[in-house]
Amino acid sequence: MKEEIDERLVILHNVLVYCSQVDRLSDGKYNVFSLVERIFINQERGALFSQLAEEKGEIFPHEVRTYKVPEQIERKIKLTKEQIEATNWGGFTKDQLLKTQES
């Protein structure tokens, strides 16, 4: 389960960073995810981090959040992930991301 959570966190982080870079290059217009969509993505990230915290014994089971982005946003995440892979944009690896999260 931890591997699946880690992989999902990397995907969500990378699509948000990619979105920010694309938006910055387009005069701040939302070309990938809208502000509300970014909030939804971050809600899922928070839920995933709470699941990891529970696995480590840092929080109680009743404190674990579960959230998954709506299907419409999930489709955009998949398309953005494909764009990232097609352009060799790079992004963060699991080791890089989780190392910064532990610091």
Protein backbone atom coordinates (compact mmCIF):
# COMPACT_ATOMS: atom_id res chain seq x y z
CA MET A 1 0.00 0.00 0.00
CA LYS A 2 2.83 2.42 0.85
CA GLU A 3 4.35 2.01 -2.62
CA GLU A 4 1.02 2.88 -4.26
CA ILE A 5 0.64 5.94 -2.05
CA ASP A 6 4.22 7.05 -2.74
CA GLU A 7 3.73 6.66 -6.50
CA ARG A 8 0.47 8.60 -6.43
CA LEU A 9 2.09 11.40 -4.40
CA VAL A 10 4.86 11.69 -7.00
CA ILE A 11 2.34 11.88 -9.85
CA LEU A 12 0.21 14.52 -8.11
CA HIS A 13 3.26 16.57 -7.13
CA ASN A 14 4.71 16.47 -10.64
CA VAL A 15 1.49 17.47 -12.39
CA LEU A 16 1.13 20.44 -10.02
CA VAL A 17 4.73 21.58 -10.60
CA TYR A 18 4.36 21.10 -14.35
CA CYS A 19 1.11 23.07 -14.26
CA SER A 20 2.83 25.92 -12.41
CA GLN A 21 5.64 26.08 -14.95
CA VAL A 22 3.29 25.99 -17.94
CA ASP A 23 1.08 28.66 -16.38
CA ARG A 24 4.10 30.86 -15.62
CA LEU A 25 5.13 30.69 -19.27
CA SER A 26 1.64 31.69 -20.39
CA ASP A 27 1.31 34.92 -18.41
CA GLY A 28 -0.33 33.21 -15.44
CA LYS A 29 -3.37 31.91 -17.32
CA TYR A 30 -4.65 28.54 -16.16
CA ASN A 31 -3.77 26.26 -19.06
CA VAL A 32 -3.61 22.98 -17.18
CA PHE A 33 -5.53 23.01 -13.88
CA SER A 34 -7.79 25.73 -12.55
CA LEU A 35 -7.30 27.05 -9.03
CA VAL A 36 -10.18 24.89 -7.77
CA GLU A 37 -8.78 21.79 -9.50
CA ARG A 38 -5.43 22.42 -7.82
CA ILE A 39 -7.22 22.56 -4.47
CA PHE A 40 -8.86 19.19 -5.17
CA ILE A 41 -5.48 17.69 -6.08
CA ASN A 42 -3.94 19.04 -2.88
CA GLN A 43 -6.86 17.61 -0.89
CA GLU A 44 -6.00 14.17 -2.22
CA ARG A 45 -2.33 14.72 -1.41
CA GLY A 46 -3.26 15.63 2.16
CA ALA A 47 -5.38 12.50 2.48
CA LEU A 48 -2.50 10.36 1.21
CA PHE A 49 -0.08 11.94 3.67
CA SER A 50 -2.53 11.22 6.50
CA GLN A 51 -2.62 7.57 5.42
CA LEU A 52 1.18 7.42 5.54
CA ALA A 53 1.18 9.09 8.95
CA GLU A 54 -1.25 6.49 10.26
CA GLU A 55 0.95 3.66 8.94
CA LYS A 56 3.88 5.17 10.87
CA GLY A 57 1.78 5.45 14.02
CA GLU A 58 1.91 9.26 13.98
CA ILE A 59 -1.88 9.65 14.04
CA PHE A 60 -4.83 7.56 15.18
CA PRO A 61 -6.89 5.57 12.64
CA HIS A 62 -9.93 7.83 13.12
CA GLU A 63 -7.81 10.81 12.00
CA VAL A 64 -7.04 9.33 8.58
CA ARG A 65 -8.61 11.19 5.69
CA THR A 66 -9.74 9.54 2.50
CA TYR A 67 -10.23 11.60 -0.61
CA LYS A 68 -9.88 10.99 -4.33
CA VAL A 69 -10.16 13.70 -6.98
CA PRO A 70 -13.30 13.64 -9.15
CA GLU A 71 -13.09 11.61 -12.37
CA GLN A 72 -12.98 14.74 -14.56
CA ILE A 73 -9.84 15.94 -12.78
CA GLU A 74 -8.39 12.42 -12.80
CA ARG A 75 -8.62 12.45 -16.61
CA LYS A 76 -6.71 15.76 -16.71
CA ILE A 77 -4.09 14.33 -14.36
CA LYS A 78 -3.59 11.36 -16.68
CA LEU A 79 -3.34 13.63 -19.75
CA THR A 80 -0.84 15.88 -17.98
CA LYS A 81 1.22 12.87 -16.90
CA GLU A 82 1.30 11.74 -20.55
CA GLN A 83 2.43 15.23 -21.63
CA ILE A 84 5.20 15.15 -19.02
CA GLU A 85 6.39 11.77 -20.28
CA ALA A 86 6.14 12.81 -23.95
CA THR A 87 8.18 15.98 -23.42
CA ASN A 88 10.78 14.43 -21.10
CA TRP A 89 10.08 17.33 -18.76
CA GLY A 90 11.64 15.45 -15.89
CA GLY A 91 9.95 16.33 -12.66
CA PHE A 92 10.72 14.73 -9.34
CA THR A 93 11.44 11.09 -8.64
CA LYS A 94 10.01 9.24 -5.66
CA ASP A 95 13.36 9.43 -3.84
CA GLN A 96 13.69 13.18 -4.42
CA LEU A 97 10.14 13.95 -3.38
CA LEU A 98 10.06 11.78 -0.28
CA LYS A 99 13.49 13.02 0.81
CA THR A 100 12.22 16.62 0.75
CA GLN A 101 9.06 15.57 2.61
CA GLU A 102 11.09 13.97 5.41
CA SER A 103 13.34 17.03 5.88
